[in-house]
Amino acid sequence: QVQLVESGGGLVQIGGSLRLSCAGSGRSFDNYVVAWFRQAPGNDREFVGAIAKNGVTTSIAASVKGRFTLSKDNAKNTAYLQMSNLKPEDTAVYSCAAGGPYSSRSRDYTYWGQGTQVTVSS
């Protein structure tokens, strides 16, 4: 079992950058794929990306490819979502998830953080 806590969200201008963190406590992170999802008001939850247990293999949604990168520091039990060139359509609550296979489906993940708000101002 693992508990997840996101941090790093906030208000940023168009074109700006943010780095979100997902800190895990409990079982070591090298046992888990970590995925990121986001949800804007009125929208379904959207897959952003996933990083494999080894912290090397990643999958990124087409909507953020080239702007967002994932990383994972298993020694620190922390995963990161580096976001750059942010756009208003990136505004959402971002959540990390673990306890699933290397998947883009939210229902595959067991453990979730509480989410952190990212707002991109125009």
N, C-alpha and C. Protein backbone atom coordinates (compact mmCIF):
# COMPACT_ATOMS: atom_id res chain seq x y z
N GLN A 1 0.85 -1.19 0.00
CA GLN A 1 0.00 0.00 0.00
C GLN A 1 0.88 1.24 0.00
N VAL A 2 0.40 2.30 -0.62
CA VAL A 2 1.16 3.54 -0.68
C VAL A 2 0.18 4.70 -0.58
N GLN A 3 0.62 5.75 0.11
CA GLN A 3 -0.16 6.98 0.19
C GLN A 3 0.54 8.03 -0.67
N LEU A 4 -0.25 8.80 -1.40
CA LEU A 4 0.30 9.75 -2.35
C LEU A 4 -0.13 11.17 -2.00
N VAL A 5 0.81 12.10 -2.11
CA VAL A 5 0.51 13.51 -1.85
C VAL A 5 1.15 14.34 -2.96
N GLU A 6 0.30 15.08 -3.67
CA GLU A 6 0.80 15.96 -4.72
C GLU A 6 1.09 17.35 -4.16
N SER A 7 2.01 18.03 -4.81
CA SER A 7 2.31 19.42 -4.47
C SER A 7 2.87 20.10 -5.71
N GLY A 8 2.94 21.42 -5.62
CA GLY A 8 3.56 22.17 -6.70
C GLY A 8 2.60 22.89 -7.63
N GLY A 9 1.32 22.70 -7.43
CA GLY A 9 0.37 23.40 -8.27
C GLY A 9 0.32 24.88 -7.95
N GLY A 10 -0.40 25.62 -8.78
CA GLY A 10 -0.53 27.05 -8.54
C GLY A 10 -1.02 27.77 -9.77
N LEU A 11 -0.87 29.08 -9.72
CA LEU A 11 -1.29 29.96 -10.81
C LEU A 11 -0.05 30.34 -11.62
N VAL A 12 -0.15 30.19 -12.93
CA VAL A 12 0.98 30.50 -13.80
C VAL A 12 0.46 31.15 -15.07
N GLN A 13 1.28 31.99 -15.66
CA GLN A 13 0.88 32.66 -16.90
C GLN A 13 1.09 31.74 -18.10
N ILE A 14 0.41 32.06 -19.16
CA ILE A 14 0.58 31.32 -20.41
C ILE A 14 2.06 31.29 -20.78
N GLY A 15 2.52 30.11 -21.16
CA GLY A 15 3.91 29.94 -21.53
C GLY A 15 4.83 29.63 -20.37
N GLY A 16 4.30 29.69 -19.16
CA GLY A 16 5.11 29.43 -17.98
C GLY A 16 5.31 27.95 -17.72
N SER A 17 5.99 27.67 -16.61
CA SER A 17 6.32 26.30 -16.24
C SER A 17 5.97 26.03 -14.79
N LEU A 18 5.70 24.77 -14.51
CA LEU A 18 5.49 24.30 -13.15
C LEU A 18 6.03 22.88 -13.06
N ARG A 19 6.45 22.51 -11.87
CA ARG A 19 6.82 21.13 -11.63
C ARG A 19 5.96 20.60 -10.49
N LEU A 20 5.21 19.58 -10.79
CA LEU A 20 4.40 18.92 -9.76
C LEU A 20 5.17 17.74 -9.19
N SER A 21 4.97 17.54 -7.90
CA SER A 21 5.58 16.41 -7.22
C SER A 21 4.51 15.49 -6.68
N CYS A 22 4.83 14.23 -6.65
CA CYS A 22 3.94 13.21 -6.08
C CYS A 22 4.79 12.40 -5.12
N ALA A 23 4.60 12.67 -3.84
CA ALA A 23 5.39 12.00 -2.82
C ALA A 23 4.64 10.79 -2.28
N GLY A 24 5.33 9.67 -2.23
CA GLY A 24 4.71 8.45 -1.75
C GLY A 24 5.25 8.05 -0.39
N SER A 25 4.39 7.53 0.44
CA SER A 25 4.80 6.97 1.72
C SER A 25 4.20 5.58 1.84
N GLY A 26 4.94 4.72 2.51
CA GLY A 26 4.51 3.34 2.59
C GLY A 26 5.46 2.47 1.79
N ARG A 27 4.92 1.69 0.92
CA ARG A 27 5.75 0.78 0.13
C ARG A 27 6.63 1.57 -0.85
N SER A 28 7.81 1.05 -1.13
CA SER A 28 8.76 1.75 -1.98
C SER A 28 8.22 1.99 -3.39
N PHE A 29 8.56 3.14 -3.94
CA PHE A 29 8.06 3.54 -5.25
C PHE A 29 8.56 2.68 -6.38
N ASP A 30 9.65 1.97 -6.17
CA ASP A 30 10.13 1.16 -7.29
C ASP A 30 9.25 -0.06 -7.53
N ASN A 31 8.24 -0.21 -6.70
CA ASN A 31 7.25 -1.27 -6.92
C ASN A 31 6.06 -0.81 -7.76
N TYR A 32 6.06 0.48 -8.11
CA TYR A 32 4.86 1.05 -8.70
C TYR A 32 5.10 1.79 -10.01
N VAL A 33 4.20 1.59 -10.94
CA VAL A 33 3.99 2.54 -12.02
C VAL A 33 3.30 3.75 -11.41
N VAL A 34 3.70 4.95 -11.81
CA VAL A 34 3.03 6.16 -11.35
C VAL A 34 2.46 6.88 -12.57
N ALA A 35 1.20 7.20 -12.49
CA ALA A 35 0.52 7.89 -13.59
C ALA A 35 0.02 9.24 -13.12
N TRP A 36 -0.14 10.13 -14.07
CA TRP A 36 -0.72 11.45 -13.82
C TRP A 36 -1.99 11.58 -14.65
N PHE A 37 -2.99 12.13 -14.00
CA PHE A 37 -4.25 12.44 -14.67
C PHE A 37 -4.64 13.87 -14.33
N ARG A 38 -5.52 14.43 -15.12
CA ARG A 38 -6.03 15.75 -14.82
C ARG A 38 -7.51 15.80 -15.12
N GLN A 39 -8.18 16.71 -14.43
CA GLN A 39 -9.60 16.88 -14.63
C GLN A 39 -9.96 18.34 -14.53
N ALA A 40 -10.50 18.87 -15.60
CA ALA A 40 -11.00 20.24 -15.62
C ALA A 40 -12.49 20.22 -15.30
N PRO A 41 -13.04 21.32 -14.78
CA PRO A 41 -14.46 21.36 -14.46
C PRO A 41 -15.32 21.00 -15.66
N GLY A 42 -16.24 20.07 -15.44
CA GLY A 42 -17.15 19.67 -16.50
C GLY A 42 -16.59 18.66 -17.47
N ASN A 43 -15.34 18.29 -17.26
CA ASN A 43 -14.69 17.33 -18.18
C ASN A 43 -14.43 16.01 -17.48
N ASP A 44 -14.26 14.98 -18.29
CA ASP A 44 -13.85 13.69 -17.75
C ASP A 44 -12.38 13.75 -17.34
N ARG A 45 -12.01 12.83 -16.47
CA ARG A 45 -10.60 12.71 -16.10
C ARG A 45 -9.80 12.30 -17.34
N GLU A 46 -8.66 12.95 -17.50
CA GLU A 46 -7.84 12.76 -18.71
C GLU A 46 -6.46 12.25 -18.32
N PHE A 47 -6.00 11.24 -19.03
CA PHE A 47 -4.66 10.72 -18.83
C PHE A 47 -3.64 11.74 -19.33
N VAL A 48 -2.61 11.97 -18.50
CA VAL A 48 -1.52 12.86 -18.88
C VAL A 48 -0.28 12.06 -19.24
N GLY A 49 0.08 11.12 -18.38
CA GLY A 49 1.26 10.32 -18.65
C GLY A 49 1.48 9.29 -17.57
N ALA A 50 2.37 8.37 -17.85
CA ALA A 50 2.70 7.33 -16.88
C ALA A 50 4.19 7.04 -16.98
N ILE A 51 4.76 6.65 -15.86
CA ILE A 51 6.17 6.28 -15.82
C ILE A 51 6.28 4.92 -15.18
N ALA A 52 7.09 4.07 -15.80
CA ALA A 52 7.19 2.69 -15.36
C ALA A 52 7.92 2.56 -14.03
N LYS A 53 7.88 1.36 -13.48
CA LYS A 53 8.52 1.11 -12.20
C LYS A 53 10.00 1.49 -12.21
N ASN A 54 10.65 1.25 -13.32
CA ASN A 54 12.09 1.52 -13.39
C ASN A 54 12.43 2.99 -13.47
N GLY A 55 11.40 3.83 -13.63
CA GLY A 55 11.62 5.27 -13.70
C GLY A 55 12.22 5.74 -15.02
N VAL A 56 12.22 4.87 -16.00
CA VAL A 56 12.83 5.22 -17.29
C VAL A 56 11.78 5.29 -18.40
N THR A 57 11.00 4.26 -18.53
CA THR A 57 10.00 4.20 -19.60
C THR A 57 8.82 5.10 -19.26
N THR A 58 8.46 5.95 -20.22
CA THR A 58 7.34 6.85 -20.00
C THR A 58 6.38 6.83 -21.18
N SER A 59 5.16 7.22 -20.90
CA SER A 59 4.14 7.39 -21.91
C SER A 59 3.48 8.74 -21.66
N ILE A 60 3.30 9.51 -22.72
CA ILE A 60 2.78 10.86 -22.59
C ILE A 60 1.59 11.03 -23.54
N ALA A 61 0.56 11.68 -23.04
CA ALA A 61 -0.60 11.95 -23.90
C ALA A 61 -0.21 12.89 -25.02
N ALA A 62 -0.86 12.72 -26.16
CA ALA A 62 -0.55 13.53 -27.33
C ALA A 62 -0.78 15.02 -27.06
N SER A 63 -1.75 15.32 -26.22
CA SER A 63 -2.11 16.72 -25.96
C SER A 63 -1.02 17.49 -25.23
N VAL A 64 -0.11 16.77 -24.58
CA VAL A 64 0.94 17.45 -23.81
C VAL A 64 2.34 17.03 -24.25
N LYS A 65 2.42 16.19 -25.23
CA LYS A 65 3.72 15.70 -25.69
C LYS A 65 4.57 16.85 -26.19
N GLY A 66 5.83 16.83 -25.78
CA GLY A 66 6.73 17.91 -26.16
C GLY A 66 6.73 19.06 -25.18
N ARG A 67 5.75 19.08 -24.28
CA ARG A 67 5.68 20.13 -23.27
C ARG A 67 5.81 19.58 -21.84
N PHE A 68 5.33 18.39 -21.62
CA PHE A 68 5.36 17.77 -20.30
C PHE A 68 6.32 16.59 -20.30
N THR A 69 7.03 16.42 -19.21
CA THR A 69 7.88 15.26 -19.04
C THR A 69 7.67 14.66 -17.66
N LEU A 70 7.85 13.36 -17.59
CA LEU A 70 7.70 12.64 -16.33
C LEU A 70 9.06 12.12 -15.86
N SER A 71 9.22 12.08 -14.57
CA SER A 71 10.39 11.46 -13.99
C SER A 71 10.02 10.86 -12.64
N LYS A 72 10.91 10.02 -12.16
CA LYS A 72 10.62 9.36 -10.88
C LYS A 72 11.95 9.09 -10.19
N ASP A 73 12.02 9.49 -8.94
CA ASP A 73 13.19 9.24 -8.12
C ASP A 73 12.80 8.21 -7.08
N ASN A 74 13.12 6.97 -7.36
CA ASN A 74 12.70 5.90 -6.46
C ASN A 74 13.37 6.01 -5.08
N ALA A 75 14.56 6.55 -5.05
CA ALA A 75 15.25 6.71 -3.77
C ALA A 75 14.52 7.70 -2.87
N LYS A 76 13.86 8.67 -3.48
CA LYS A 76 13.12 9.68 -2.71
C LYS A 76 11.64 9.36 -2.66
N ASN A 77 11.25 8.26 -3.28
CA ASN A 77 9.83 7.91 -3.32
C ASN A 77 8.98 9.06 -3.86
N THR A 78 9.47 9.70 -4.90
CA THR A 78 8.78 10.86 -5.44
C THR A 78 8.78 10.79 -6.97
N ALA A 79 7.63 11.12 -7.54
CA ALA A 79 7.50 11.25 -8.99
C ALA A 79 7.24 12.72 -9.32
N TYR A 80 7.63 13.10 -10.52
CA TYR A 80 7.52 14.49 -10.92
C TYR A 80 6.83 14.61 -12.27
N LEU A 81 6.11 15.70 -12.42
CA LEU A 81 5.54 16.07 -13.70
C LEU A 81 6.02 17.48 -14.00
N GLN A 82 6.95 17.58 -14.95
CA GLN A 82 7.48 18.88 -15.36
C GLN A 82 6.63 19.39 -16.51
N MET A 83 6.05 20.55 -16.32
CA MET A 83 5.16 21.12 -17.32
C MET A 83 5.75 22.44 -17.81
N SER A 84 5.84 22.60 -19.10
CA SER A 84 6.35 23.84 -19.67
C SER A 84 5.45 24.29 -20.80
N ASN A 85 5.67 25.54 -21.21
CA ASN A 85 4.84 26.14 -22.26
C ASN A 85 3.36 25.92 -21.98
N LEU A 86 2.96 26.23 -20.78
CA LEU A 86 1.60 25.95 -20.35
C LEU A 86 0.58 26.81 -21.09
N LYS A 87 -0.58 26.20 -21.31
CA LYS A 87 -1.67 26.83 -22.05
C LYS A 87 -2.91 26.88 -21.17
N PRO A 88 -3.86 27.77 -21.46
CA PRO A 88 -5.08 27.82 -20.66
C PRO A 88 -5.80 26.48 -20.58
N GLU A 89 -5.73 25.70 -21.64
CA GLU A 89 -6.41 24.40 -21.64
C GLU A 89 -5.73 23.37 -20.74
N ASP A 90 -4.59 23.71 -20.19
CA ASP A 90 -3.94 22.84 -19.20
C ASP A 90 -4.50 23.05 -17.80
N THR A 91 -5.34 24.05 -17.63
CA THR A 91 -5.94 24.32 -16.32
C THR A 91 -6.79 23.13 -15.89
N ALA A 92 -6.48 22.60 -14.71
CA ALA A 92 -7.18 21.41 -14.21
C ALA A 92 -6.63 21.06 -12.83
N VAL A 93 -7.29 20.12 -12.20
CA VAL A 93 -6.73 19.48 -11.00
C VAL A 93 -5.92 18.28 -11.48
N TYR A 94 -4.67 18.25 -11.06
CA TYR A 94 -3.76 17.19 -11.47
C TYR A 94 -3.59 16.21 -10.30
N SER A 95 -3.73 14.94 -10.62
CA SER A 95 -3.61 13.90 -9.60
C SER A 95 -2.63 12.84 -10.05
N CYS A 96 -1.89 12.30 -9.09
CA CYS A 96 -1.05 11.15 -9.39
C CYS A 96 -1.73 9.89 -8.87
N ALA A 97 -1.36 8.78 -9.46
CA ALA A 97 -1.98 7.51 -9.13
C ALA A 97 -0.96 6.40 -9.22
N ALA A 98 -1.17 5.35 -8.45
CA ALA A 98 -0.26 4.20 -8.45
C ALA A 98 -1.06 2.94 -8.15
N GLY A 99 -0.38 1.82 -8.22
CA GLY A 99 -1.04 0.56 -7.89
C GLY A 99 -1.75 -0.06 -9.05
N GLY A 100 -1.30 0.26 -10.27
CA GLY A 100 -1.89 -0.34 -11.45
C GLY A 100 -0.83 -0.78 -12.42
N PRO A 101 -1.26 -1.35 -13.54
CA PRO A 101 -0.31 -1.69 -14.60
C PRO A 101 0.10 -0.44 -15.35
N TYR A 102 0.97 -0.59 -16.31
CA TYR A 102 1.40 0.55 -17.12
C TYR A 102 0.25 0.85 -18.07
N SER A 103 -0.63 1.75 -17.65
CA SER A 103 -1.91 1.94 -18.32
C SER A 103 -2.30 3.40 -18.35
N SER A 104 -3.13 3.74 -19.33
CA SER A 104 -3.67 5.09 -19.42
C SER A 104 -5.09 5.17 -18.87
N ARG A 105 -5.59 4.08 -18.34
CA ARG A 105 -6.97 4.06 -17.83
C ARG A 105 -7.00 4.32 -16.34
N SER A 106 -7.75 5.31 -15.92
CA SER A 106 -7.78 5.67 -14.51
C SER A 106 -8.31 4.52 -13.65
N ARG A 107 -9.21 3.73 -14.17
CA ARG A 107 -9.79 2.66 -13.37
C ARG A 107 -8.79 1.56 -13.04
N ASP A 108 -7.65 1.57 -13.70
CA ASP A 108 -6.64 0.56 -13.43
C ASP A 108 -5.81 0.86 -12.19
N TYR A 109 -5.93 2.06 -11.63
CA TYR A 109 -5.08 2.46 -10.53
C TYR A 109 -5.83 2.43 -9.22
N THR A 110 -5.16 1.95 -8.20
CA THR A 110 -5.78 1.77 -6.88
C THR A 110 -5.59 2.96 -5.96
N TYR A 111 -4.40 3.53 -5.99
CA TYR A 111 -4.05 4.58 -5.03
C TYR A 111 -4.00 5.93 -5.74
N TRP A 112 -4.57 6.93 -5.05
CA TRP A 112 -4.66 8.26 -5.63
C TRP A 112 -4.28 9.30 -4.60
N GLY A 113 -3.66 10.37 -5.09
CA GLY A 113 -3.45 11.54 -4.25
C GLY A 113 -4.70 12.41 -4.26
N GLN A 114 -4.63 13.49 -3.50
CA GLN A 114 -5.80 14.36 -3.36
C GLN A 114 -5.92 15.35 -4.51
N GLY A 115 -4.85 15.51 -5.28
CA GLY A 115 -4.88 16.42 -6.41
C GLY A 115 -4.33 17.79 -6.05
N THR A 116 -3.83 18.48 -7.07
CA THR A 116 -3.34 19.84 -6.90
C THR A 116 -3.81 20.66 -8.09
N GLN A 117 -4.24 21.88 -7.79
CA GLN A 117 -4.83 22.73 -8.83
C GLN A 117 -3.74 23.44 -9.62
N VAL A 118 -3.86 23.39 -10.92
CA VAL A 118 -3.01 24.16 -11.82
C VAL A 118 -3.92 25.10 -12.61
N THR A 119 -3.63 26.37 -12.55
CA THR A 119 -4.41 27.36 -13.28
C THR A 119 -3.47 28.16 -14.16
N VAL A 120 -3.78 28.17 -15.44
CA VAL A 120 -2.97 28.91 -16.41
C VAL A 120 -3.78 30.13 -16.83
N SER A 121 -3.27 31.30 -16.55
CA SER A 121 -4.02 32.54 -16.80
C SER A 121 -3.68 33.10 -18.17
N SER A 122 -4.70 33.66 -18.76
CA SER A 122 -4.52 34.27 -20.08
C SER A 122 -4.29 35.76 -19.94
